[in-house]
Amino acid sequence: MVVELMTTAGYFNIGDFIPSIAWLDIQGIQRGMKHLHRKFDRLLTKMMEEHTASAHERKGNPDFLDVIMANQENSTGEKLTITNIKALLLVCIVKARLQFCFPIFSFRKQHFYCF
């Protein structure tokens, strides 16, 4: 799904250059992106639900998602919504995929940069 997201985001969309016909979605790019958004939303919702259900197994050793979801109910500062958490997870998933495919996106010095 990440590859599909990256390729769809890179498509040439004629509606971006001729705004008067953008509403027609001639190439179906908006329709495809909305479908992809629904797929990612279902995936992330299921991931969060399964993670919440199995939280008792990681009681003394929380992971990244446990910490983020614990800060959702934080009484000080800004509160994280489910949408914020899903967006953060999506960024993490896409970034991990980019680092796997293109090591140049990693900023650590011990990585081998291939051009």
PDB file of N, CA and C in Angstrom:
ATOM      1  N   MET A   1       0.816  -1.190   0.000  1.00  0.00           N
ATOM      2  CA  MET A   1       0.000   0.000   0.000  1.00  0.00           C
ATOM      3  C   MET A   1       0.867   1.265   0.000  1.00  0.00           C
ATOM      4  N   VAL A   2       2.033   1.194   0.615  1.00  0.00           N
ATOM      5  CA  VAL A   2       2.911   2.365   0.647  1.00  0.00           C
ATOM      6  C   VAL A   2       3.417   2.691  -0.755  1.00  0.00           C
ATOM      7  N   VAL A   3       3.758   1.658  -1.510  1.00  0.00           N
ATOM      8  CA  VAL A   3       4.215   1.883  -2.882  1.00  0.00           C
ATOM      9  C   VAL A   3       3.081   2.485  -3.707  1.00  0.00           C
ATOM     10  N   GLU A   4       1.876   1.989  -3.493  1.00  0.00           N
ATOM     11  CA  GLU A   4       0.715   2.535  -4.197  1.00  0.00           C
ATOM     12  C   GLU A   4       0.507   4.005  -3.828  1.00  0.00           C
ATOM     13  N   LEU A   5       0.687   4.329  -2.561  1.00  0.00           N
ATOM     14  CA  LEU A   5       0.557   5.721  -2.119  1.00  0.00           C
ATOM     15  C   LEU A   5       1.592   6.608  -2.789  1.00  0.00           C
ATOM     16  N   MET A   6       2.835   6.154  -2.812  1.00  0.00           N
ATOM     17  CA  MET A   6       3.910   6.967  -3.391  1.00  0.00           C
ATOM     18  C   MET A   6       3.726   7.145  -4.901  1.00  0.00           C
ATOM     19  N   THR A   7       3.327   6.108  -5.597  1.00  0.00           N
ATOM     20  CA  THR A   7       3.147   6.240  -7.040  1.00  0.00           C
ATOM     21  C   THR A   7       1.925   7.094  -7.367  1.00  0.00           C
ATOM     22  N   THR A   8       0.841   6.908  -6.634  1.00  0.00           N
ATOM     23  CA  THR A   8      -0.370   7.700  -6.891  1.00  0.00           C
ATOM     24  C   THR A   8      -0.123   9.173  -6.586  1.00  0.00           C
ATOM     25  N   ALA A   9       0.625   9.460  -5.544  1.00  0.00           N
ATOM     26  CA  ALA A   9       0.918  10.857  -5.197  1.00  0.00           C
ATOM     27  C   ALA A   9       1.794  11.518  -6.259  1.00  0.00           C
ATOM     28  N   GLY A  10       2.533  10.731  -7.018  1.00  0.00           N
ATOM     29  CA  GLY A  10       3.423  11.286  -8.019  1.00  0.00           C
ATOM     30  C   GLY A  10       2.824  11.394  -9.411  1.00  0.00           C
ATOM     31  N   TYR A  11       1.583  10.957  -9.579  1.00  0.00           N
ATOM     32  CA  TYR A  11       0.949  11.043 -10.899  1.00  0.00           C
ATOM     33  C   TYR A  11       0.781  12.491 -11.345  1.00  0.00           C
ATOM     34  N   PHE A  12       0.899  12.704 -12.636  1.00  0.00           N
ATOM     35  CA  PHE A  12       0.605  14.008 -13.220  1.00  0.00           C
ATOM     36  C   PHE A  12      -0.906  14.168 -13.259  1.00  0.00           C
ATOM     37  N   ASN A  13      -1.415  15.185 -12.603  1.00  0.00           N
ATOM     38  CA  ASN A  13      -2.854  15.431 -12.557  1.00  0.00           C
ATOM     39  C   ASN A  13      -3.158  16.709 -13.324  1.00  0.00           C
ATOM     40  N   ILE A  14      -3.867  16.568 -14.405  1.00  0.00           N
ATOM     41  CA  ILE A  14      -4.187  17.711 -15.258  1.00  0.00           C
ATOM     42  C   ILE A  14      -5.020  18.747 -14.497  1.00  0.00           C
ATOM     43  N   GLY A  15      -5.805  18.301 -13.508  1.00  0.00           N
ATOM     44  CA  GLY A  15      -6.623  19.213 -12.712  1.00  0.00           C
ATOM     45  C   GLY A  15      -5.806  20.164 -11.855  1.00  0.00           C
ATOM     46  N   ASP A  16      -4.551  19.807 -11.573  1.00  0.00           N
ATOM     47  CA  ASP A  16      -3.687  20.696 -10.808  1.00  0.00           C
ATOM     48  C   ASP A  16      -3.257  21.903 -11.649  1.00  0.00           C
ATOM     49  N   PHE A  17      -3.225  21.733 -12.949  1.00  0.00           N
ATOM     50  CA  PHE A  17      -2.772  22.796 -13.842  1.00  0.00           C
ATOM     51  C   PHE A  17      -3.920  23.550 -14.508  1.00  0.00           C
ATOM     52  N   ILE A  18      -5.076  22.910 -14.569  1.00  0.00           N
ATOM     53  CA  ILE A  18      -6.275  23.569 -15.100  1.00  0.00           C
ATOM     54  C   ILE A  18      -7.363  23.428 -14.038  1.00  0.00           C
ATOM     55  N   PRO A  19      -7.401  24.349 -13.067  1.00  0.00           N
ATOM     56  CA  PRO A  19      -8.319  24.216 -11.931  1.00  0.00           C
ATOM     57  C   PRO A  19      -9.797  24.166 -12.311  1.00  0.00           C
ATOM     58  N   SER A  20     -10.164  24.719 -13.438  1.00  0.00           N
ATOM     59  CA  SER A  20     -11.579  24.726 -13.815  1.00  0.00           C
ATOM     60  C   SER A  20     -12.106  23.332 -14.135  1.00  0.00           C
ATOM     61  N   ILE A  21     -11.225  22.377 -14.428  1.00  0.00           N
ATOM     62  CA  ILE A  21     -11.687  21.008 -14.700  1.00  0.00           C
ATOM     63  C   ILE A  21     -11.287  20.027 -13.589  1.00  0.00           C
ATOM     64  N   ALA A  22     -10.734  20.547 -12.502  1.00  0.00           N
ATOM     65  CA  ALA A  22     -10.280  19.669 -11.415  1.00  0.00           C
ATOM     66  C   ALA A  22     -11.434  18.874 -10.811  1.00  0.00           C
ATOM     67  N   TRP A  23     -12.609  19.468 -10.742  1.00  0.00           N
ATOM     68  CA  TRP A  23     -13.759  18.799 -10.135  1.00  0.00           C
ATOM     69  C   TRP A  23     -14.204  17.580 -10.932  1.00  0.00           C
ATOM     70  N   LEU A  24     -13.827  17.515 -12.216  1.00  0.00           N
ATOM     71  CA  LEU A  24     -14.224  16.378 -13.049  1.00  0.00           C
ATOM     72  C   LEU A  24     -13.440  15.105 -12.712  1.00  0.00           C
ATOM     73  N   ASP A  25     -12.241  15.260 -12.173  1.00  0.00           N
ATOM     74  CA  ASP A  25     -11.355  14.132 -11.860  1.00  0.00           C
ATOM     75  C   ASP A  25     -11.263  13.200 -13.070  1.00  0.00           C
ATOM     76  N   ILE A  26     -10.843  13.766 -14.184  1.00  0.00           N
ATOM     77  CA  ILE A  26     -10.791  13.054 -15.458  1.00  0.00           C
ATOM     78  C   ILE A  26      -9.953  11.783 -15.377  1.00  0.00           C
ATOM     79  N   GLN A  27      -8.837  11.842 -14.695  1.00  0.00           N
ATOM     80  CA  GLN A  27      -7.925  10.700 -14.633  1.00  0.00           C
ATOM     81  C   GLN A  27      -8.252   9.741 -13.494  1.00  0.00           C
ATOM     82  N   GLY A  28      -9.167  10.103 -12.603  1.00  0.00           N
ATOM     83  CA  GLY A  28      -9.540   9.250 -11.487  1.00  0.00           C
ATOM     84  C   GLY A  28      -8.525   9.232 -10.356  1.00  0.00           C
ATOM     85  N   ILE A  29      -7.649  10.220 -10.311  1.00  0.00           N
ATOM     86  CA  ILE A  29      -6.609  10.258  -9.287  1.00  0.00           C
ATOM     87  C   ILE A  29      -7.221  10.527  -7.916  1.00  0.00           C
ATOM     88  N   GLN A  30      -8.142  11.480  -7.835  1.00  0.00           N
ATOM     89  CA  GLN A  30      -8.777  11.773  -6.540  1.00  0.00           C
ATOM     90  C   GLN A  30      -9.556  10.565  -6.034  1.00  0.00           C
ATOM     91  N   ARG A  31     -10.256   9.887  -6.913  1.00  0.00           N
ATOM     92  CA  ARG A  31     -11.011   8.700  -6.529  1.00  0.00           C
ATOM     93  C   ARG A  31     -10.069   7.619  -5.992  1.00  0.00           C
ATOM     94  N   GLY A  32      -8.939   7.437  -6.665  1.00  0.00           N
ATOM     95  CA  GLY A  32      -7.958   6.451  -6.223  1.00  0.00           C
ATOM     96  C   GLY A  32      -7.337   6.800  -4.877  1.00  0.00           C
ATOM     97  N   MET A  33      -7.047   8.080  -4.674  1.00  0.00           N
ATOM     98  CA  MET A  33      -6.468   8.517  -3.405  1.00  0.00           C
ATOM     99  C   MET A  33      -7.479   8.374  -2.264  1.00  0.00           C
ATOM    100  N   LYS A  34      -8.751   8.640  -2.529  1.00  0.00           N
ATOM    101  CA  LYS A  34      -9.773   8.460  -1.491  1.00  0.00           C
ATOM    102  C   LYS A  34      -9.914   6.983  -1.124  1.00  0.00           C
ATOM    103  N   HIS A  35      -9.845   6.113  -2.122  1.00  0.00           N
ATOM    104  CA  HIS A  35      -9.904   4.665  -1.874  1.00  0.00           C
ATOM    105  C   HIS A  35      -8.697   4.224  -1.045  1.00  0.00           C
ATOM    106  N   LEU A  36      -7.533   4.711  -1.396  1.00  0.00           N
ATOM    107  CA  LEU A  36      -6.316   4.391  -0.663  1.00  0.00           C
ATOM    108  C   LEU A  36      -6.378   4.930   0.770  1.00  0.00           C
ATOM    109  N   HIS A  37      -6.952   6.106   0.942  1.00  0.00           N
ATOM    110  CA  HIS A  37      -7.120   6.687   2.278  1.00  0.00           C
ATOM    111  C   HIS A  37      -8.007   5.787   3.134  1.00  0.00           C
ATOM    112  N   ARG A  38      -9.091   5.274   2.567  1.00  0.00           N
ATOM    113  CA  ARG A  38      -9.976   4.380   3.319  1.00  0.00           C
ATOM    114  C   ARG A  38      -9.253   3.086   3.707  1.00  0.00           C
ATOM    115  N   LYS A  39      -8.414   2.555   2.799  1.00  0.00           N
ATOM    116  CA  LYS A  39      -7.657   1.341   3.108  1.00  0.00           C
ATOM    117  C   LYS A  39      -6.674   1.575   4.254  1.00  0.00           C
ATOM    118  N   PHE A  40      -5.945   2.684   4.199  1.00  0.00           N
ATOM    119  CA  PHE A  40      -5.017   3.007   5.270  1.00  0.00           C
ATOM    120  C   PHE A  40      -5.752   3.254   6.584  1.00  0.00           C
ATOM    121  N   ASP A  41      -6.901   3.919   6.529  1.00  0.00           N
ATOM    122  CA  ASP A  41      -7.671   4.195   7.729  1.00  0.00           C
ATOM    123  C   ASP A  41      -8.138   2.900   8.386  1.00  0.00           C
ATOM    124  N   ARG A  42      -8.612   1.947   7.586  1.00  0.00           N
ATOM    125  CA  ARG A  42      -9.026   0.646   8.139  1.00  0.00           C
ATOM    126  C   ARG A  42      -7.836  -0.081   8.762  1.00  0.00           C
ATOM    127  N   LEU A  43      -6.684  -0.054   8.071  1.00  0.00           N
ATOM    128  CA  LEU A  43      -5.491  -0.712   8.580  1.00  0.00           C
ATOM    129  C   LEU A  43      -5.044  -0.112   9.914  1.00  0.00           C
ATOM    130  N   LEU A  44      -4.967   1.197   9.986  1.00  0.00           N
ATOM    131  CA  LEU A  44      -4.505   1.852  11.203  1.00  0.00           C
ATOM    132  C   LEU A  44      -5.509   1.702  12.341  1.00  0.00           C
ATOM    133  N   THR A  45      -6.794   1.733  12.042  1.00  0.00           N
ATOM    134  CA  THR A  45      -7.820   1.521  13.065  1.00  0.00           C
ATOM    135  C   THR A  45      -7.705   0.121  13.645  1.00  0.00           C
ATOM    136  N   LYS A  46      -7.561  -0.864  12.761  1.00  0.00           N
ATOM    137  CA  LYS A  46      -7.422  -2.254  13.217  1.00  0.00           C
ATOM    138  C   LYS A  46      -6.147  -2.423  14.042  1.00  0.00           C
ATOM    139  N   MET A  47      -5.053  -1.798  13.598  1.00  0.00           N
ATOM    140  CA  MET A  47      -3.789  -1.877  14.319  1.00  0.00           C
ATOM    141  C   MET A  47      -3.934  -1.299  15.732  1.00  0.00           C
ATOM    142  N   MET A  48      -4.591  -0.158  15.849  1.00  0.00           N
ATOM    143  CA  MET A  48      -4.757   0.471  17.149  1.00  0.00           C
ATOM    144  C   MET A  48      -5.680  -0.341  18.050  1.00  0.00           C
ATOM    145  N   GLU A  49      -6.741  -0.912  17.480  1.00  0.00           N
ATOM    146  CA  GLU A  49      -7.663  -1.729  18.278  1.00  0.00           C
ATOM    147  C   GLU A  49      -6.961  -2.983  18.795  1.00  0.00           C
ATOM    148  N   GLU A  50      -6.198  -3.660  17.935  1.00  0.00           N
ATOM    149  CA  GLU A  50      -5.479  -4.857  18.361  1.00  0.00           C
ATOM    150  C   GLU A  50      -4.411  -4.506  19.396  1.00  0.00           C
ATOM    151  N   HIS A  51      -3.794  -3.370  19.234  1.00  0.00           N
ATOM    152  CA  HIS A  51      -2.761  -2.944  20.170  1.00  0.00           C
ATOM    153  C   HIS A  51      -3.369  -2.633  21.541  1.00  0.00           C
ATOM    154  N   THR A  52      -4.527  -2.012  21.550  1.00  0.00           N
ATOM    155  CA  THR A  52      -5.213  -1.714  22.803  1.00  0.00           C
ATOM    156  C   THR A  52      -5.648  -3.007  23.490  1.00  0.00           C
ATOM    157  N   ALA A  53      -6.130  -3.971  22.707  1.00  0.00           N
ATOM    158  CA  ALA A  53      -6.588  -5.238  23.274  1.00  0.00           C
ATOM    159  C   ALA A  53      -5.441  -6.038  23.891  1.00  0.00           C
ATOM    160  N   SER A  54      -4.237  -5.901  23.350  1.00  0.00           N
ATOM    161  CA  SER A  54      -3.106  -6.679  23.860  1.00  0.00           C
ATOM    162  C   SER A  54      -2.181  -5.851  24.750  1.00  0.00           C
ATOM    163  N   ALA A  55      -2.659  -4.726  25.252  1.00  0.00           N
ATOM    164  CA  ALA A  55      -1.819  -3.836  26.071  1.00  0.00           C
ATOM    165  C   ALA A  55      -1.397  -4.491  27.378  1.00  0.00           C
ATOM    166  N   HIS A  56      -2.214  -5.400  27.907  1.00  0.00           N
ATOM    167  CA  HIS A  56      -1.877  -6.049  29.177  1.00  0.00           C
ATOM    168  C   HIS A  56      -0.633  -6.926  29.065  1.00  0.00           C
ATOM    169  N   GLU A  57      -0.295  -7.383  27.868  1.00  0.00           N
ATOM    170  CA  GLU A  57       0.889  -8.216  27.655  1.00  0.00           C
ATOM    171  C   GLU A  57       2.183  -7.409  27.768  1.00  0.00           C
ATOM    172  N   ARG A  58       2.104  -6.101  27.525  1.00  0.00           N
ATOM    173  CA  ARG A  58       3.290  -5.233  27.568  1.00  0.00           C
ATOM    174  C   ARG A  58       3.243  -4.292  28.764  1.00  0.00           C
ATOM    175  N   LYS A  59       2.653  -4.722  29.844  1.00  0.00           N
ATOM    176  CA  LYS A  59       2.408  -3.840  30.986  1.00  0.00           C
ATOM    177  C   LYS A  59       3.668  -3.129  31.484  1.00  0.00           C
ATOM    178  N   GLY A  60       4.774  -3.815  31.664  1.00  0.00           N
ATOM    179  CA  GLY A  60       5.974  -3.174  32.183  1.00  0.00           C
ATOM    180  C   GLY A  60       6.929  -2.685  31.118  1.00  0.00           C
ATOM    181  N   ASN A  61       6.644  -2.991  29.860  1.00  0.00           N
ATOM    182  CA  ASN A  61       7.555  -2.663  28.765  1.00  0.00           C
ATOM    183  C   ASN A  61       6.767  -2.025  27.610  1.00  0.00           C
ATOM    184  N   PRO A  62       6.352  -0.768  27.755  1.00  0.00           N
ATOM    185  CA  PRO A  62       5.542  -0.145  26.698  1.00  0.00           C
ATOM    186  C   PRO A  62       6.366   0.143  25.441  1.00  0.00           C
ATOM    187  N   ASP A  63       5.699   0.087  24.304  1.00  0.00           N
ATOM    188  CA  ASP A  63       6.356   0.435  23.050  1.00  0.00           C
ATOM    189  C   ASP A  63       5.881   1.819  22.599  1.00  0.00           C
ATOM    190  N   PHE A  64       6.267   2.206  21.396  1.00  0.00           N
ATOM    191  CA  PHE A  64       5.988   3.545  20.879  1.00  0.00           C
ATOM    192  C   PHE A  64       4.492   3.858  20.874  1.00  0.00           C
ATOM    193  N   LEU A  65       3.691   2.936  20.372  1.00  0.00           N
ATOM    194  CA  LEU A  65       2.256   3.180  20.277  1.00  0.00           C
ATOM    195  C   LEU A  65       1.614   3.248  21.657  1.00  0.00           C
ATOM    196  N   ASP A  66       2.104   2.464  22.607  1.00  0.00           N
ATOM    197  CA  ASP A  66       1.595   2.552  23.985  1.00  0.00           C
ATOM    198  C   ASP A  66       1.832   3.940  24.563  1.00  0.00           C
ATOM    199  N   VAL A  67       3.017   4.466  24.343  1.00  0.00           N
ATOM    200  CA  VAL A  67       3.353   5.794  24.874  1.00  0.00           C
ATOM    201  C   VAL A  67       2.491   6.871  24.217  1.00  0.00           C
ATOM    202  N   ILE A  68       2.329   6.788  22.907  1.00  0.00           N
ATOM    203  CA  ILE A  68       1.515   7.783  22.189  1.00  0.00           C
ATOM    204  C   ILE A  68       0.064   7.719  22.658  1.00  0.00           C
ATOM    205  N   MET A  69      -0.476   6.516  22.784  1.00  0.00           N
ATOM    206  CA  MET A  69      -1.875   6.384  23.199  1.00  0.00           C
ATOM    207  C   MET A  69      -2.055   6.775  24.671  1.00  0.00           C
ATOM    208  N   ALA A  70      -1.024   6.589  25.491  1.00  0.00           N
ATOM    209  CA  ALA A  70      -1.114   7.024  26.881  1.00  0.00           C
ATOM    210  C   ALA A  70      -1.151   8.545  26.966  1.00  0.00           C
ATOM    211  N   ASN A  71      -0.465   9.222  26.081  1.00  0.00           N
ATOM    212  CA  ASN A  71      -0.464  10.684  26.067  1.00  0.00           C
ATOM    213  C   ASN A  71      -1.727  11.266  25.449  1.00  0.00           C
ATOM    214  N   GLN A  72      -2.556  10.404  24.899  1.00  0.00           N
ATOM    215  CA  GLN A  72      -3.821  10.867  24.333  1.00  0.00           C
ATOM    216  C   GLN A  72      -4.713  11.442  25.437  1.00  0.00           C
ATOM    217  N   GLU A  73      -4.683  10.839  26.602  1.00  0.00           N
ATOM    218  CA  GLU A  73      -5.501  11.302  27.719  1.00  0.00           C
ATOM    219  C   GLU A  73      -4.731  12.223  28.651  1.00  0.00           C
ATOM    220  N   ASN A  74      -3.612  12.768  28.208  1.00  0.00           N
ATOM    221  CA  ASN A  74      -2.781  13.638  29.025  1.00  0.00           C
ATOM    222  C   ASN A  74      -3.567  14.899  29.391  1.00  0.00           C
ATOM    223  N   SER A  75      -3.580  15.250  30.678  1.00  0.00           N
ATOM    224  CA  SER A  75      -4.370  16.395  31.122  1.00  0.00           C
ATOM    225  C   SER A  75      -3.638  17.720  30.920  1.00  0.00           C
ATOM    226  N   THR A  76      -2.322  17.672  30.746  1.00  0.00           N
ATOM    227  CA  THR A  76      -1.568  18.909  30.538  1.00  0.00           C
ATOM    228  C   THR A  76      -1.207  19.047  29.071  1.00  0.00           C
ATOM    229  N   GLY A  77      -1.245  20.248  28.584  1.00  0.00           N
ATOM    230  CA  GLY A  77      -0.867  20.495  27.195  1.00  0.00           C
ATOM    231  C   GLY A  77      -1.958  20.101  26.215  1.00  0.00           C
ATOM    232  N   GLU A  78      -1.564  19.930  24.978  1.00  0.00           N
ATOM    233  CA  GLU A  78      -2.512  19.577  23.930  1.00  0.00           C
ATOM    234  C   GLU A  78      -2.829  18.098  23.978  1.00  0.00           C
ATOM    235  N   LYS A  79      -4.028  17.765  23.545  1.00  0.00           N
ATOM    236  CA  LYS A  79      -4.452  16.366  23.526  1.00  0.00           C
ATOM    237  C   LYS A  79      -4.316  15.821  22.111  1.00  0.00           C
ATOM    238  N   LEU A  80      -3.940  14.567  22.030  1.00  0.00           N
ATOM    239  CA  LEU A  80      -3.838  13.903  20.732  1.00  0.00           C
ATOM    240  C   LEU A  80      -5.170  13.255  20.401  1.00  0.00           C
ATOM    241  N   THR A  81      -5.648  13.482  19.198  1.00  0.00           N
ATOM    242  CA  THR A  81      -6.863  12.814  18.748  1.00  0.00           C
ATOM    243  C   THR A  81      -6.475  11.520  18.051  1.00  0.00           C
ATOM    244  N   ILE A  82      -7.452  10.710  17.761  1.00  0.00           N
ATOM    245  CA  ILE A  82      -7.218   9.473  17.019  1.00  0.00           C
ATOM    246  C   ILE A  82      -6.640   9.805  15.647  1.00  0.00           C
ATOM    247  N   THR A  83      -7.113  10.883  15.047  1.00  0.00           N
ATOM    248  CA  THR A  83      -6.607  11.306  13.743  1.00  0.00           C
ATOM    249  C   THR A  83      -5.133  11.685  13.821  1.00  0.00           C
ATOM    250  N   ASN A  84      -4.733  12.364  14.891  1.00  0.00           N
ATOM    251  CA  ASN A  84      -3.319  12.711  15.083  1.00  0.00           C
ATOM    252  C   ASN A  84      -2.459  11.463  15.193  1.00  0.00           C
ATOM    253  N   ILE A  85      -2.925  10.494  15.955  1.00  0.00           N
ATOM    254  CA  ILE A  85      -2.165   9.258  16.146  1.00  0.00           C
ATOM    255  C   ILE A  85      -2.059   8.485  14.839  1.00  0.00           C
ATOM    256  N   LYS A  86      -3.149   8.414  14.083  1.00  0.00           N
ATOM    257  CA  LYS A  86      -3.123   7.723  12.789  1.00  0.00           C
ATOM    258  C   LYS A  86      -2.170   8.416  11.826  1.00  0.00           C
ATOM    259  N   ALA A  87      -2.164   9.749  11.823  1.00  0.00           N
ATOM    260  CA  ALA A  87      -1.255  10.483  10.942  1.00  0.00           C
ATOM    261  C   ALA A  87       0.195  10.216  11.313  1.00  0.00           C
ATOM    262  N   LEU A  88       0.487  10.187  12.601  1.00  0.00           N
ATOM    263  CA  LEU A  88       1.839   9.895  13.057  1.00  0.00           C
ATOM    264  C   LEU A  88       2.271   8.490  12.664  1.00  0.00           C
ATOM    265  N   LEU A  89       1.372   7.522  12.817  1.00  0.00           N
ATOM    266  CA  LEU A  89       1.683   6.149  12.412  1.00  0.00           C
ATOM    267  C   LEU A  89       1.902   6.045  10.907  1.00  0.00           C
ATOM    268  N   LEU A  90       1.098   6.754  10.138  1.00  0.00           N
ATOM    269  CA  LEU A  90       1.258   6.729   8.678  1.00  0.00           C
ATOM    270  C   LEU A  90       2.605   7.300   8.269  1.00  0.00           C
ATOM    271  N   VAL A  91       3.014   8.391   8.900  1.00  0.00           N
ATOM    272  CA  VAL A  91       4.320   8.975   8.607  1.00  0.00           C
ATOM    273  C   VAL A  91       5.428   7.984   8.949  1.00  0.00           C
ATOM    274  N   CYS A  92       5.298   7.315  10.094  1.00  0.00           N
ATOM    275  CA  CYS A  92       6.313   6.329  10.492  1.00  0.00           C
ATOM    276  C   CYS A  92       6.387   5.174   9.498  1.00  0.00           C
ATOM    277  N   ILE A  93       5.238   4.693   9.041  1.00  0.00           N
ATOM    278  CA  ILE A  93       5.204   3.579   8.090  1.00  0.00           C
ATOM    279  C   ILE A  93       5.832   3.990   6.766  1.00  0.00           C
ATOM    280  N   VAL A  94       5.463   5.151   6.246  1.00  0.00           N
ATOM    281  CA  VAL A  94       6.000   5.611   4.960  1.00  0.00           C
ATOM    282  C   VAL A  94       7.495   5.882   5.070  1.00  0.00           C
ATOM    283  N   LYS A  95       7.925   6.502   6.159  1.00  0.00           N
ATOM    284  CA  LYS A  95       9.350   6.781   6.336  1.00  0.00           C
ATOM    285  C   LYS A  95      10.151   5.483   6.431  1.00  0.00           C
ATOM    286  N   ALA A  96       9.623   4.505   7.136  1.00  0.00           N
ATOM    287  CA  ALA A  96      10.318   3.216   7.234  1.00  0.00           C
ATOM    288  C   ALA A  96      10.437   2.576   5.859  1.00  0.00           C
ATOM    289  N   ARG A  97       9.418   2.691   5.059  1.00  0.00           N
ATOM    290  CA  ARG A  97       9.457   2.122   3.704  1.00  0.00           C
ATOM    291  C   ARG A  97      10.479   2.868   2.844  1.00  0.00           C
ATOM    292  N   LEU A  98      10.538   4.183   2.963  1.00  0.00           N
ATOM    293  CA  LEU A  98      11.501   4.957   2.190  1.00  0.00           C
ATOM    294  C   LEU A  98      12.925   4.624   2.599  1.00  0.00           C
ATOM    295  N   GLN A  99      13.167   4.457   3.896  1.00  0.00           N
ATOM    296  CA  GLN A  99      14.519   4.113   4.338  1.00  0.00           C
ATOM    297  C   GLN A  99      14.911   2.727   3.872  1.00  0.00           C
ATOM    298  N   PHE A 100      13.952   1.819   3.772  1.00  0.00           N
ATOM    299  CA  PHE A 100      14.244   0.470   3.315  1.00  0.00           C
ATOM    300  C   PHE A 100      14.577   0.475   1.823  1.00  0.00           C
ATOM    301  N   CYS A 101      13.815   1.238   1.051  1.00  0.00           N
ATOM    302  CA  CYS A 101      14.015   1.254  -0.401  1.00  0.00           C
ATOM    303  C   CYS A 101      15.138   2.177  -0.829  1.00  0.00           C
ATOM    304  N   PHE A 102      15.247   3.319  -0.177  1.00  0.00           N
ATOM    305  CA  PHE A 102      16.215   4.334  -0.554  1.00  0.00           C
ATOM    306  C   PHE A 102      17.043   4.726   0.654  1.00  0.00           C
ATOM    307  N   PRO A 103      18.145   4.064   0.919  1.00  0.00           N
ATOM    308  CA  PRO A 103      18.940   4.369   2.109  1.00  0.00           C
ATOM    309  C   PRO A 103      19.437   5.810   2.163  1.00  0.00           C
ATOM    310  N   ILE A 104      19.361   6.558   1.073  1.00  0.00           N
ATOM    311  CA  ILE A 104      19.826   7.943   1.079  1.00  0.00           C
ATOM    312  C   ILE A 104      18.961   8.804   1.997  1.00  0.00           C
ATOM    313  N   PHE A 105      17.727   8.376   2.294  1.00  0.00           N
ATOM    314  CA  PHE A 105      16.842   9.156   3.148  1.00  0.00           C
ATOM    315  C   PHE A 105      17.208   9.029   4.617  1.00  0.00           C
ATOM    316  N   SER A 106      18.110   8.136   4.946  1.00  0.00           N
ATOM    317  CA  SER A 106      18.546   7.985   6.323  1.00  0.00           C
ATOM    318  C   SER A 106      19.665   8.981   6.592  1.00  0.00           C
ATOM    319  N   PHE A 107      19.617   9.609   7.753  1.00  0.00           N
ATOM    320  CA  PHE A 107      20.603  10.624   8.064  1.00  0.00           C
ATOM    321  C   PHE A 107      21.693  10.118   9.005  1.00  0.00           C
ATOM    322  N   ARG A 108      21.690   8.835   9.328  1.00  0.00           N
ATOM    323  CA  ARG A 108      22.735   8.285  10.186  1.00  0.00           C
ATOM    324  C   ARG A 108      23.992   8.057   9.362  1.00  0.00           C
ATOM    325  N   LYS A 109      25.146   8.319   9.925  1.00  0.00           N
ATOM    326  CA  LYS A 109      26.394   8.263   9.181  1.00  0.00           C
ATOM    327  C   LYS A 109      26.829   6.840   8.849  1.00  0.00           C
ATOM    328  N   GLN A 110      26.388   5.845   9.622  1.00  0.00           N
ATOM    329  CA  GLN A 110      26.856   4.501   9.346  1.00  0.00           C
ATOM    330  C   GLN A 110      26.115   3.840   8.184  1.00  0.00           C
ATOM    331  N   HIS A 111      25.096   4.499   7.637  1.00  0.00           N
ATOM    332  CA  HIS A 111      24.406   3.926   6.490  1.00  0.00           C
ATOM    333  C   HIS A 111      25.203   4.142   5.214  1.00  0.00           C
ATOM    334  N   PHE A 112      25.098   3.189   4.323  1.00  0.00           N
ATOM    335  CA  PHE A 112      25.746   3.306   3.019  1.00  0.00           C
ATOM    336  C   PHE A 112      24.776   4.032   2.090  1.00  0.00           C
ATOM    337  N   TYR A 113      25.215   5.133   1.534  1.00  0.00           N
ATOM    338  CA  TYR A 113      24.357   5.898   0.640  1.00  0.00           C
ATOM    339  C   TYR A 113      24.605   5.456  -0.794  1.00  0.00           C
ATOM    340  N   CYS A 114      23.569   4.974  -1.438  1.00  0.00           N
ATOM    341  CA  CYS A 114      23.710   4.548  -2.828  1.00  0.00           C
ATOM    342  C   CYS A 114      22.928   5.503  -3.725  1.00  0.00           C
ATOM    343  N   PHE A 115      23.535   5.876  -4.808  1.00  0.00           N
ATOM    344  CA  PHE A 115      22.895   6.828  -5.724  1.00  0.00           C
ATOM    345  C   PHE A 115      22.498   6.153  -6.995  1.00  0.00           C
TER     346      PHE A 115
END
